[in-house]
Amino acid sequence: FTISRDNARKSVYLQMNSLKPEDTGVYYCYARSMNSYWGQGTQVTVS
């Protein structure tokens, strides 16, 4: 996996390669400064 960010686009990315069944789950994005914030989650299923 490779994480990256683009501050101009206000975005963070996760490139996931060679996925395995154990990578299955709901993936939540977070952003943290003085407080923590969470996304709603996105399902990844490797099968």
ModelCIF file with pLDDT and N, C-alpha, C, O atoms, coordinates in Angstrom:
data_MODEL
#
_entry.id   MODEL 
#
_entity.id                         1 
_entity.type                       polymer 
_entity.pdbx_number_of_molecules   1 
#
_entity_poly.entity_id                      1 
_entity_poly.type                           'polypeptide(L)' 
_entity_poly.nstd_linkage                   no 
_entity_poly.nstd_monomer                   no 
_entity_poly.pdbx_seq_one_letter_code       FTISRDNARKSVYLQMNSLKPEDTGVYYCYARSMNSYWGQGTQVTVS 
_entity_poly.pdbx_seq_one_letter_code_can   FTISRDNARKSVYLQMNSLKPEDTGVYYCYARSMNSYWGQGTQVTVS 
_entity_poly.pdbx_strand_id                 A 
#
loop_
_entity_poly_seq.entity_id 
_entity_poly_seq.num 
_entity_poly_seq.mon_id 
_entity_poly_seq.hetero 
1 1  PHE n 
1 2  THR n 
1 3  ILE n 
1 4  SER n 
1 5  ARG n 
1 6  ASP n 
1 7  ASN n 
1 8  ALA n 
1 9  ARG n 
1 10 LYS n 
1 11 SER n 
1 12 VAL n 
1 13 TYR n 
1 14 LEU n 
1 15 GLN n 
1 16 MET n 
1 17 ASN n 
1 18 SER n 
1 19 LEU n 
1 20 LYS n 
1 21 PRO n 
1 22 GLU n 
1 23 ASP n 
1 24 THR n 
1 25 GLY n 
1 26 VAL n 
1 27 TYR n 
1 28 TYR n 
1 29 CYS n 
1 30 TYR n 
1 31 ALA n 
1 32 ARG n 
1 33 SER n 
1 34 MET n 
1 35 ASN n 
1 36 SER n 
1 37 TYR n 
1 38 TRP n 
1 39 GLY n 
1 40 GLN n 
1 41 GLY n 
1 42 THR n 
1 43 GLN n 
1 44 VAL n 
1 45 THR n 
1 46 VAL n 
1 47 SER n 
#
_struct_asym.id          A 
_struct_asym.entity_id   1 
#
loop_
_ma_qa_metric.id 
_ma_qa_metric.mode 
_ma_qa_metric.name 
_ma_qa_metric.software_group_id 
_ma_qa_metric.type 
1 global pLDDT . pLDDT 
2 local  pLDDT . pLDDT 
#
_ma_qa_metric_global.metric_id      1 
_ma_qa_metric_global.metric_value   97.04 
_ma_qa_metric_global.model_id       1 
_ma_qa_metric_global.ordinal_id     1 
#
loop_
_ma_qa_metric_local.label_asym_id 
_ma_qa_metric_local.label_comp_id 
_ma_qa_metric_local.label_seq_id 
_ma_qa_metric_local.metric_id 
_ma_qa_metric_local.metric_value 
_ma_qa_metric_local.model_id 
_ma_qa_metric_local.ordinal_id 
A PHE 1  2 98.00 1 1  
A THR 2  2 98.00 1 2  
A ILE 3  2 98.00 1 3  
A SER 4  2 98.00 1 4  
A ARG 5  2 98.00 1 5  
A ASP 6  2 97.00 1 6  
A ASN 7  2 97.00 1 7  
A ALA 8  2 96.00 1 8  
A ARG 9  2 97.00 1 9  
A LYS 10 2 97.00 1 10 
A SER 11 2 98.00 1 11 
A VAL 12 2 98.00 1 12 
A TYR 13 2 98.00 1 13 
A LEU 14 2 98.00 1 14 
A GLN 15 2 98.00 1 15 
A MET 16 2 98.00 1 16 
A ASN 17 2 98.00 1 17 
A SER 18 2 98.00 1 18 
A LEU 19 2 98.00 1 19 
A LYS 20 2 98.00 1 20 
A PRO 21 2 97.00 1 21 
A GLU 22 2 96.00 1 22 
A ASP 23 2 98.00 1 23 
A THR 24 2 98.00 1 24 
A GLY 25 2 98.00 1 25 
A VAL 26 2 98.00 1 26 
A TYR 27 2 98.00 1 27 
A TYR 28 2 98.00 1 28 
A CYS 29 2 98.00 1 29 
A TYR 30 2 97.00 1 30 
A ALA 31 2 97.00 1 31 
A ARG 32 2 96.00 1 32 
A SER 33 2 94.00 1 33 
A MET 34 2 91.00 1 34 
A ASN 35 2 92.00 1 35 
A SER 36 2 93.00 1 36 
A TYR 37 2 96.00 1 37 
A TRP 38 2 97.00 1 38 
A GLY 39 2 96.00 1 39 
A GLN 40 2 96.00 1 40 
A GLY 41 2 97.00 1 41 
A THR 42 2 97.00 1 42 
A GLN 43 2 98.00 1 43 
A VAL 44 2 98.00 1 44 
A THR 45 2 98.00 1 45 
A VAL 46 2 98.00 1 46 
A SER 47 2 97.00 1 47 
#
loop_
_atom_site.group_PDB 
_atom_site.id 
_atom_site.type_symbol 
_atom_site.label_atom_id 
_atom_site.label_alt_id 
_atom_site.label_comp_id 
_atom_site.label_asym_id 
_atom_site.label_entity_id 
_atom_site.label_seq_id 
_atom_site.pdbx_PDB_ins_code 
_atom_site.Cartn_x 
_atom_site.Cartn_y 
_atom_site.Cartn_z 
_atom_site.occupancy 
_atom_site.B_iso_or_equiv 
_atom_site.pdbx_formal_charge 
_atom_site.auth_seq_id 
_atom_site.auth_comp_id 
_atom_site.auth_asym_id 
_atom_site.auth_atom_id 
_atom_site.pdbx_PDB_model_num 
ATOM 1   N N  . PHE A 1 1  ? 0.848   -1.197  0.000  1.00 98.00 ? 1  PHE A N  1 
ATOM 2   C CA . PHE A 1 1  ? 0.000   0.000   0.000  1.00 98.00 ? 1  PHE A CA 1 
ATOM 3   C C  . PHE A 1 1  ? 0.883   1.247   0.000  1.00 98.00 ? 1  PHE A C  1 
ATOM 4   O O  . PHE A 1 1  ? 1.978   1.250   0.563  1.00 98.00 ? 1  PHE A O  1 
ATOM 5   N N  . THR A 1 2  ? 0.385   2.306   -0.643 1.00 98.00 ? 2  THR A N  1 
ATOM 6   C CA . THR A 1 2  ? 1.076   3.583   -0.653 1.00 98.00 ? 2  THR A CA 1 
ATOM 7   C C  . THR A 1 2  ? 0.090   4.696   -0.342 1.00 98.00 ? 2  THR A C  1 
ATOM 8   O O  . THR A 1 2  ? -0.934  4.838   -1.011 1.00 98.00 ? 2  THR A O  1 
ATOM 9   N N  . ILE A 1 3  ? 0.407   5.479   0.674  1.00 98.00 ? 3  ILE A N  1 
ATOM 10  C CA . ILE A 1 3  ? -0.429  6.628   1.017  1.00 98.00 ? 3  ILE A CA 1 
ATOM 11  C C  . ILE A 1 3  ? 0.212   7.886   0.451  1.00 98.00 ? 3  ILE A C  1 
ATOM 12  O O  . ILE A 1 3  ? 1.436   8.011   0.416  1.00 98.00 ? 3  ILE A O  1 
ATOM 13  N N  . SER A 1 4  ? -0.624  8.811   0.010  1.00 98.00 ? 4  SER A N  1 
ATOM 14  C CA . SER A 1 4  ? -0.129  10.084  -0.496 1.00 98.00 ? 4  SER A CA 1 
ATOM 15  C C  . SER A 1 4  ? -1.180  11.158  -0.219 1.00 98.00 ? 4  SER A C  1 
ATOM 16  O O  . SER A 1 4  ? -2.332  10.861  0.096  1.00 98.00 ? 4  SER A O  1 
ATOM 17  N N  . ARG A 1 5  ? -0.758  12.390  -0.343 1.00 98.00 ? 5  ARG A N  1 
ATOM 18  C CA . ARG A 1 5  ? -1.687  13.501  -0.136 1.00 98.00 ? 5  ARG A CA 1 
ATOM 19  C C  . ARG A 1 5  ? -1.440  14.596  -1.166 1.00 98.00 ? 5  ARG A C  1 
ATOM 20  O O  . ARG A 1 5  ? -0.331  14.760  -1.674 1.00 98.00 ? 5  ARG A O  1 
ATOM 21  N N  . ASP A 1 6  ? -2.490  15.333  -1.456 1.00 97.00 ? 6  ASP A N  1 
ATOM 22  C CA . ASP A 1 6  ? -2.410  16.474  -2.349 1.00 97.00 ? 6  ASP A CA 1 
ATOM 23  C C  . ASP A 1 6  ? -3.082  17.629  -1.609 1.00 97.00 ? 6  ASP A C  1 
ATOM 24  O O  . ASP A 1 6  ? -4.309  17.726  -1.580 1.00 97.00 ? 6  ASP A O  1 
ATOM 25  N N  . ASN A 1 7  ? -2.282  18.491  -1.019 1.00 97.00 ? 7  ASN A N  1 
ATOM 26  C CA . ASN A 1 7  ? -2.849  19.556  -0.192 1.00 97.00 ? 7  ASN A CA 1 
ATOM 27  C C  . ASN A 1 7  ? -3.654  20.558  -1.015 1.00 97.00 ? 7  ASN A C  1 
ATOM 28  O O  . ASN A 1 7  ? -4.627  21.128  -0.521 1.00 97.00 ? 7  ASN A O  1 
ATOM 29  N N  . ALA A 1 8  ? -3.256  20.772  -2.255 1.00 96.00 ? 8  ALA A N  1 
ATOM 30  C CA . ALA A 1 8  ? -4.005  21.699  -3.114 1.00 96.00 ? 8  ALA A CA 1 
ATOM 31  C C  . ALA A 1 8  ? -5.408  21.172  -3.386 1.00 96.00 ? 8  ALA A C  1 
ATOM 32  O O  . ALA A 1 8  ? -6.362  21.947  -3.467 1.00 96.00 ? 8  ALA A O  1 
ATOM 33  N N  . ARG A 1 9  ? -5.534  19.861  -3.527 1.00 97.00 ? 9  ARG A N  1 
ATOM 34  C CA . ARG A 1 9  ? -6.831  19.240  -3.749 1.00 97.00 ? 9  ARG A CA 1 
ATOM 35  C C  . ARG A 1 9  ? -7.515  18.853  -2.441 1.00 97.00 ? 9  ARG A C  1 
ATOM 36  O O  . ARG A 1 9  ? -8.633  18.339  -2.449 1.00 97.00 ? 9  ARG A O  1 
ATOM 37  N N  . LYS A 1 10 ? -6.830  19.105  -1.302 1.00 97.00 ? 10 LYS A N  1 
ATOM 38  C CA . LYS A 1 10 ? -7.386  18.772  0.017  1.00 97.00 ? 10 LYS A CA 1 
ATOM 39  C C  . LYS A 1 10 ? -7.785  17.300  0.079  1.00 97.00 ? 10 LYS A C  1 
ATOM 40  O O  . LYS A 1 10 ? -8.878  16.951  0.524  1.00 97.00 ? 10 LYS A O  1 
ATOM 41  N N  . SER A 1 11 ? -6.876  16.454  -0.376 1.00 98.00 ? 11 SER A N  1 
ATOM 42  C CA . SER A 1 11 ? -7.195  15.041  -0.506 1.00 98.00 ? 11 SER A CA 1 
ATOM 43  C C  . SER A 1 11 ? -6.059  14.152  -0.023 1.00 98.00 ? 11 SER A C  1 
ATOM 44  O O  . SER A 1 11 ? -4.886  14.526  -0.050 1.00 98.00 ? 11 SER A O  1 
ATOM 45  N N  . VAL A 1 12 ? -6.449  12.963  0.420  1.00 98.00 ? 12 VAL A N  1 
ATOM 46  C CA . VAL A 1 12 ? -5.494  11.920  0.763  1.00 98.00 ? 12 VAL A CA 1 
ATOM 47  C C  . VAL A 1 12 ? -5.904  10.663  0.004  1.00 98.00 ? 12 VAL A C  1 
ATOM 48  O O  . VAL A 1 12 ? -7.089  10.414  -0.216 1.00 98.00 ? 12 VAL A O  1 
ATOM 49  N N  . TYR A 1 13 ? -4.900  9.873   -0.392 1.00 98.00 ? 13 TYR A N  1 
ATOM 50  C CA . TYR A 1 13 ? -5.137  8.717   -1.236 1.00 98.00 ? 13 TYR A CA 1 
ATOM 51  C C  . TYR A 1 13 ? -4.481  7.478   -0.626 1.00 98.00 ? 13 TYR A C  1 
ATOM 52  O O  . TYR A 1 13 ? -3.522  7.570   0.141  1.00 98.00 ? 13 TYR A O  1 
ATOM 53  N N  . LEU A 1 14 ? -5.025  6.325   -0.990 1.00 98.00 ? 14 LEU A N  1 
ATOM 54  C CA . LEU A 1 14 ? -4.418  5.061   -0.598 1.00 98.00 ? 14 LEU A CA 1 
ATOM 55  C C  . LEU A 1 14 ? -4.415  4.145   -1.809 1.00 98.00 ? 14 LEU A C  1 
ATOM 56  O O  . LEU A 1 14 ? -5.462  3.659   -2.237 1.00 98.00 ? 14 LEU A O  1 
ATOM 57  N N  . GLN A 1 15 ? -3.233  3.914   -2.354 1.00 98.00 ? 15 GLN A N  1 
ATOM 58  C CA . GLN A 1 15 ? -3.068  2.969   -3.454 1.00 98.00 ? 15 GLN A CA 1 
ATOM 59  C C  . GLN A 1 15 ? -2.817  1.600   -2.855 1.00 98.00 ? 15 GLN A C  1 
ATOM 60  O O  . GLN A 1 15 ? -1.852  1.405   -2.116 1.00 98.00 ? 15 GLN A O  1 
ATOM 61  N N  . MET A 1 16 ? -3.681  0.655   -3.171 1.00 98.00 ? 16 MET A N  1 
ATOM 62  C CA . MET A 1 16 ? -3.595  -0.686  -2.595 1.00 98.00 ? 16 MET A CA 1 
ATOM 63  C C  . MET A 1 16 ? -3.323  -1.686  -3.708 1.00 98.00 ? 16 MET A C  1 
ATOM 64  O O  . MET A 1 16 ? -4.148  -1.874  -4.602 1.00 98.00 ? 16 MET A O  1 
ATOM 65  N N  . ASN A 1 17 ? -2.166  -2.320  -3.647 1.00 98.00 ? 17 ASN A N  1 
ATOM 66  C CA . ASN A 1 17 ? -1.774  -3.319  -4.628 1.00 98.00 ? 17 ASN A CA 1 
ATOM 67  C C  . ASN A 1 17 ? -1.639  -4.690  -3.968 1.00 98.00 ? 17 ASN A C  1 
ATOM 68  O O  . ASN A 1 17 ? -1.565  -4.804  -2.745 1.00 98.00 ? 17 ASN A O  1 
ATOM 69  N N  . SER A 1 18 ? -1.610  -5.711  -4.794 1.00 98.00 ? 18 SER A N  1 
ATOM 70  C CA . SER A 1 18 ? -1.446  -7.085  -4.291 1.00 98.00 ? 18 SER A CA 1 
ATOM 71  C C  . SER A 1 18 ? -2.417  -7.366  -3.149 1.00 98.00 ? 18 SER A C  1 
ATOM 72  O O  . SER A 1 18 ? -2.031  -7.878  -2.098 1.00 98.00 ? 18 SER A O  1 
ATOM 73  N N  . LEU A 1 19 ? -3.655  -7.030  -3.368 1.00 98.00 ? 19 LEU A N  1 
ATOM 74  C CA . LEU A 1 19 ? -4.654  -7.156  -2.302 1.00 98.00 ? 19 LEU A CA 1 
ATOM 75  C C  . LEU A 1 19 ? -4.878  -8.607  -1.913 1.00 98.00 ? 19 LEU A C  1 
ATOM 76  O O  . LEU A 1 19 ? -4.825  -9.518  -2.739 1.00 98.00 ? 19 LEU A O  1 
ATOM 77  N N  . LYS A 1 20 ? -5.129  -8.783  -0.626 1.00 98.00 ? 20 LYS A N  1 
ATOM 78  C CA . LYS A 1 20 ? -5.354  -10.100 -0.046 1.00 98.00 ? 20 LYS A CA 1 
ATOM 79  C C  . LYS A 1 20 ? -6.748  -10.147 0.593  1.00 98.00 ? 20 LYS A C  1 
ATOM 80  O O  . LYS A 1 20 ? -7.302  -9.104  0.942  1.00 98.00 ? 20 LYS A O  1 
ATOM 81  N N  . PRO A 1 21 ? -7.310  -11.333 0.747  1.00 97.00 ? 21 PRO A N  1 
ATOM 82  C CA . PRO A 1 21 ? -8.631  -11.414 1.404  1.00 97.00 ? 21 PRO A CA 1 
ATOM 83  C C  . PRO A 1 21 ? -8.649  -10.759 2.786  1.00 97.00 ? 21 PRO A C  1 
ATOM 84  O O  . PRO A 1 21 ? -9.672  -10.217 3.204  1.00 97.00 ? 21 PRO A O  1 
ATOM 85  N N  . GLU A 1 22 ? -7.532  -10.808 3.485  1.00 96.00 ? 22 GLU A N  1 
ATOM 86  C CA . GLU A 1 22 ? -7.494  -10.205 4.822  1.00 96.00 ? 22 GLU A CA 1 
ATOM 87  C C  . GLU A 1 22 ? -7.475  -8.682  4.792  1.00 96.00 ? 22 GLU A C  1 
ATOM 88  O O  . GLU A 1 22 ? -7.542  -8.047  5.844  1.00 96.00 ? 22 GLU A O  1 
ATOM 89  N N  . ASP A 1 23 ? -7.387  -8.092  3.623  1.00 98.00 ? 23 ASP A N  1 
ATOM 90  C CA . ASP A 1 23 ? -7.511  -6.638  3.504  1.00 98.00 ? 23 ASP A CA 1 
ATOM 91  C C  . ASP A 1 23 ? -8.978  -6.196  3.475  1.00 98.00 ? 23 ASP A C  1 
ATOM 92  O O  . ASP A 1 23 ? -9.273  -5.002  3.494  1.00 98.00 ? 23 ASP A O  1 
ATOM 93  N N  . THR A 1 24 ? -9.874  -7.152  3.429  1.00 98.00 ? 24 THR A N  1 
ATOM 94  C CA . THR A 1 24 ? -11.299 -6.845  3.375  1.00 98.00 ? 24 THR A CA 1 
ATOM 95  C C  . THR A 1 24 ? -11.758 -6.094  4.615  1.00 98.00 ? 24 THR A C  1 
ATOM 96  O O  . THR A 1 24 ? -11.359 -6.415  5.735  1.00 98.00 ? 24 THR A O  1 
ATOM 97  N N  . GLY A 1 25 ? -12.603 -5.091  4.399  1.00 98.00 ? 25 GLY A N  1 
ATOM 98  C CA . GLY A 1 25 ? -13.164 -4.329  5.503  1.00 98.00 ? 25 GLY A CA 1 
ATOM 99  C C  . GLY A 1 25 ? -13.694 -2.995  5.025  1.00 98.00 ? 25 GLY A C  1 
ATOM 100 O O  . GLY A 1 25 ? -13.655 -2.674  3.837  1.00 98.00 ? 25 GLY A O  1 
ATOM 101 N N  . VAL A 1 26 ? -14.186 -2.232  5.971  1.00 98.00 ? 26 VAL A N  1 
ATOM 102 C CA . VAL A 1 26 ? -14.597 -0.857  5.685  1.00 98.00 ? 26 VAL A CA 1 
ATOM 103 C C  . VAL A 1 26 ? -13.412 0.050   5.981  1.00 98.00 ? 26 VAL A C  1 
ATOM 104 O O  . VAL A 1 26 ? -12.840 0.015   7.070  1.00 98.00 ? 26 VAL A O  1 
ATOM 105 N N  . TYR A 1 27 ? -13.059 0.850   5.008  1.00 98.00 ? 27 TYR A N  1 
ATOM 106 C CA . TYR A 1 27 ? -11.921 1.753   5.132  1.00 98.00 ? 27 TYR A CA 1 
ATOM 107 C C  . TYR A 1 27 ? -12.433 3.160   5.428  1.00 98.00 ? 27 TYR A C  1 
ATOM 108 O O  . TYR A 1 27 ? -13.263 3.711   4.705  1.00 98.00 ? 27 TYR A O  1 
ATOM 109 N N  . TYR A 1 28 ? -11.908 3.717   6.517  1.00 98.00 ? 28 TYR A N  1 
ATOM 110 C CA . TYR A 1 28 ? -12.319 5.041   6.967  1.00 98.00 ? 28 TYR A CA 1 
ATOM 111 C C  . TYR A 1 28 ? -11.167 6.021   6.814  1.00 98.00 ? 28 TYR A C  1 
ATOM 112 O O  . TYR A 1 28 ? -10.047 5.758   7.252  1.00 98.00 ? 28 TYR A O  1 
ATOM 113 N N  . CYS A 1 29 ? -11.450 7.120   6.205  1.00 98.00 ? 29 CYS A N  1 
ATOM 114 C CA . CYS A 1 29 ? -10.507 8.221   6.108  1.00 98.00 ? 29 CYS A CA 1 
ATOM 115 C C  . CYS A 1 29 ? -10.613 9.076   7.372  1.00 98.00 ? 29 CYS A C  1 
ATOM 116 O O  . CYS A 1 29 ? -11.698 9.239   7.929  1.00 98.00 ? 29 CYS A O  1 
ATOM 117 N N  . TYR A 1 30 ? -9.480  9.618   7.818  1.00 97.00 ? 30 TYR A N  1 
ATOM 118 C CA . TYR A 1 30 ? -9.513  10.556  8.935  1.00 97.00 ? 30 TYR A CA 1 
ATOM 119 C C  . TYR A 1 30 ? -8.641  11.765  8.617  1.00 97.00 ? 30 TYR A C  1 
ATOM 120 O O  . TYR A 1 30 ? -7.729  11.714  7.792  1.00 97.00 ? 30 TYR A O  1 
ATOM 121 N N  . ALA A 1 31 ? -8.962  12.845  9.306  1.00 97.00 ? 31 ALA A N  1 
ATOM 122 C CA . ALA A 1 31 ? -8.140  14.052  9.283  1.00 97.00 ? 31 ALA A CA 1 
ATOM 123 C C  . ALA A 1 31 ? -8.062  14.549  10.721 1.00 97.00 ? 31 ALA A C  1 
ATOM 124 O O  . ALA A 1 31 ? -9.066  14.599  11.431 1.00 97.00 ? 31 ALA A O  1 
ATOM 125 N N  . ARG A 1 32 ? -6.857  14.912  11.137 1.00 96.00 ? 32 ARG A N  1 
ATOM 126 C CA . ARG A 1 32 ? -6.658  15.227  12.553 1.00 96.00 ? 32 ARG A CA 1 
ATOM 127 C C  . ARG A 1 32 ? -5.796  16.474  12.696 1.00 96.00 ? 32 ARG A C  1 
ATOM 128 O O  . ARG A 1 32 ? -4.691  16.559  12.160 1.00 96.00 ? 32 ARG A O  1 
ATOM 129 N N  . SER A 1 33 ? -6.333  17.435  13.434 1.00 94.00 ? 33 SER A N  1 
ATOM 130 C CA . SER A 1 33 ? -5.560  18.600  13.822 1.00 94.00 ? 33 SER A CA 1 
ATOM 131 C C  . SER A 1 33 ? -5.776  18.770  15.325 1.00 94.00 ? 33 SER A C  1 
ATOM 132 O O  . SER A 1 33 ? -5.285  17.949  16.099 1.00 94.00 ? 33 SER A O  1 
ATOM 133 N N  . MET A 1 34 ? -6.473  19.778  15.751 1.00 91.00 ? 34 MET A N  1 
ATOM 134 C CA . MET A 1 34 ? -6.852  19.858  17.163 1.00 91.00 ? 34 MET A CA 1 
ATOM 135 C C  . MET A 1 34 ? -7.957  18.856  17.469 1.00 91.00 ? 34 MET A C  1 
ATOM 136 O O  . MET A 1 34 ? -8.062  18.369  18.595 1.00 91.00 ? 34 MET A O  1 
ATOM 137 N N  . ASN A 1 35 ? -8.772  18.550  16.480 1.00 92.00 ? 35 ASN A N  1 
ATOM 138 C CA . ASN A 1 35 ? -9.838  17.548  16.590 1.00 92.00 ? 35 ASN A CA 1 
ATOM 139 C C  . ASN A 1 35 ? -9.659  16.496  15.518 1.00 92.00 ? 35 ASN A C  1 
ATOM 140 O O  . ASN A 1 35 ? -8.904  16.681  14.563 1.00 92.00 ? 35 ASN A O  1 
ATOM 141 N N  . SER A 1 36 ? -10.361 15.394  15.688 1.00 93.00 ? 36 SER A N  1 
ATOM 142 C CA . SER A 1 36 ? -10.319 14.327  14.697 1.00 93.00 ? 36 SER A CA 1 
ATOM 143 C C  . SER A 1 36 ? -11.642 14.236  13.960 1.00 93.00 ? 36 SER A C  1 
ATOM 144 O O  . SER A 1 36 ? -12.710 14.375  14.556 1.00 93.00 ? 36 SER A O  1 
ATOM 145 N N  . TYR A 1 37 ? -11.559 14.003  12.672 1.00 96.00 ? 37 TYR A N  1 
ATOM 146 C CA . TYR A 1 37 ? -12.741 13.899  11.829 1.00 96.00 ? 37 TYR A CA 1 
ATOM 147 C C  . TYR A 1 37 ? -12.657 12.620  11.022 1.00 96.00 ? 37 TYR A C  1 
ATOM 148 O O  . TYR A 1 37 ? -11.571 12.168  10.658 1.00 96.00 ? 37 TYR A O  1 
ATOM 149 N N  . TRP A 1 38 ? -13.834 12.032  10.742 1.00 97.00 ? 38 TRP A N  1 
ATOM 150 C CA . TRP A 1 38 ? -13.900 10.748  10.047 1.00 97.00 ? 38 TRP A CA 1 
ATOM 151 C C  . TRP A 1 38 ? -14.835 10.805  8.859  1.00 97.00 ? 38 TRP A C  1 
ATOM 152 O O  . TRP A 1 38 ? -15.838 11.519  8.871  1.00 97.00 ? 38 TRP A O  1 
ATOM 153 N N  . GLY A 1 39 ? -14.493 10.043  7.832  1.00 96.00 ? 39 GLY A N  1 
ATOM 154 C CA . GLY A 1 39 ? -15.404 9.839   6.736  1.00 96.00 ? 39 GLY A CA 1 
ATOM 155 C C  . GLY A 1 39 ? -16.425 8.775   7.079  1.00 96.00 ? 39 GLY A C  1 
ATOM 156 O O  . GLY A 1 39 ? -16.403 8.195   8.164  1.00 96.00 ? 39 GLY A O  1 
ATOM 157 N N  . GLN A 1 40 ? -17.318 8.529   6.137  1.00 96.00 ? 40 GLN A N  1 
ATOM 158 C CA . GLN A 1 40 ? -18.412 7.580   6.381  1.00 96.00 ? 40 GLN A CA 1 
ATOM 159 C C  . GLN A 1 40 ? -17.983 6.134   6.121  1.00 96.00 ? 40 GLN A C  1 
ATOM 160 O O  . GLN A 1 40 ? -18.687 5.195   6.492  1.00 96.00 ? 40 GLN A O  1 
ATOM 161 N N  . GLY A 1 41 ? -16.841 5.967   5.492  1.00 97.00 ? 41 GLY A N  1 
ATOM 162 C CA . GLY A 1 41 ? -16.327 4.629   5.215  1.00 97.00 ? 41 GLY A CA 1 
ATOM 163 C C  . GLY A 1 41 ? -16.666 4.155   3.818  1.00 97.00 ? 41 GLY A C  1 
ATOM 164 O O  . GLY A 1 41 ? -17.705 4.503   3.257  1.00 97.00 ? 41 GLY A O  1 
ATOM 165 N N  . THR A 1 42 ? -15.768 3.351   3.267  1.00 97.00 ? 42 THR A N  1 
ATOM 166 C CA . THR A 1 42 ? -15.992 2.744   1.957  1.00 97.00 ? 42 THR A CA 1 
ATOM 167 C C  . THR A 1 42 ? -15.606 1.270   2.049  1.00 97.00 ? 42 THR A C  1 
ATOM 168 O O  . THR A 1 42 ? -14.562 0.929   2.605  1.00 97.00 ? 42 THR A O  1 
ATOM 169 N N  . GLN A 1 43 ? -16.441 0.410   1.508  1.00 98.00 ? 43 GLN A N  1 
ATOM 170 C CA . GLN A 1 43 ? -16.237 -1.032  1.621  1.00 98.00 ? 43 GLN A CA 1 
ATOM 171 C C  . GLN A 1 43 ? -15.220 -1.508  0.590  1.00 98.00 ? 43 GLN A C  1 
ATOM 172 O O  . GLN A 1 43 ? -15.294 -1.171  -0.592 1.00 98.00 ? 43 GLN A O  1 
ATOM 173 N N  . VAL A 1 44 ? -14.273 -2.297  1.073  1.00 98.00 ? 44 VAL A N  1 
ATOM 174 C CA . VAL A 1 44 ? -13.322 -2.994  0.206  1.00 98.00 ? 44 VAL A CA 1 
ATOM 175 C C  . VAL A 1 44 ? -13.478 -4.483  0.471  1.00 98.00 ? 44 VAL A C  1 
ATOM 176 O O  . VAL A 1 44 ? -13.343 -4.942  1.605  1.00 98.00 ? 44 VAL A O  1 
ATOM 177 N N  . THR A 1 45 ? -13.763 -5.228  -0.584 1.00 98.00 ? 45 THR A N  1 
ATOM 178 C CA . THR A 1 45 ? -13.911 -6.676  -0.469 1.00 98.00 ? 45 THR A CA 1 
ATOM 179 C C  . THR A 1 45 ? -12.948 -7.341  -1.432 1.00 98.00 ? 45 THR A C  1 
ATOM 180 O O  . THR A 1 45 ? -12.983 -7.090  -2.636 1.00 98.00 ? 45 THR A O  1 
ATOM 181 N N  . VAL A 1 46 ? -12.085 -8.197  -0.888 1.00 98.00 ? 46 VAL A N  1 
ATOM 182 C CA . VAL A 1 46 ? -11.111 -8.923  -1.695 1.00 98.00 ? 46 VAL A CA 1 
ATOM 183 C C  . VAL A 1 46 ? -11.517 -10.392 -1.669 1.00 98.00 ? 46 VAL A C  1 
ATOM 184 O O  . VAL A 1 46 ? -11.399 -11.075 -0.651 1.00 98.00 ? 46 VAL A O  1 
ATOM 185 N N  . SER A 1 47 ? -11.990 -10.845 -2.797 1.00 97.00 ? 47 SER A N  1 
ATOM 186 C CA . SER A 1 47 ? -12.522 -12.208 -2.850 1.00 97.00 ? 47 SER A CA 1 
ATOM 187 C C  . SER A 1 47 ? -12.516 -12.710 -4.282 1.00 97.00 ? 47 SER A C  1 
ATOM 188 O O  . SER A 1 47 ? -12.926 -13.841 -4.541 1.00 97.00 ? 47 SER A O  1 
#
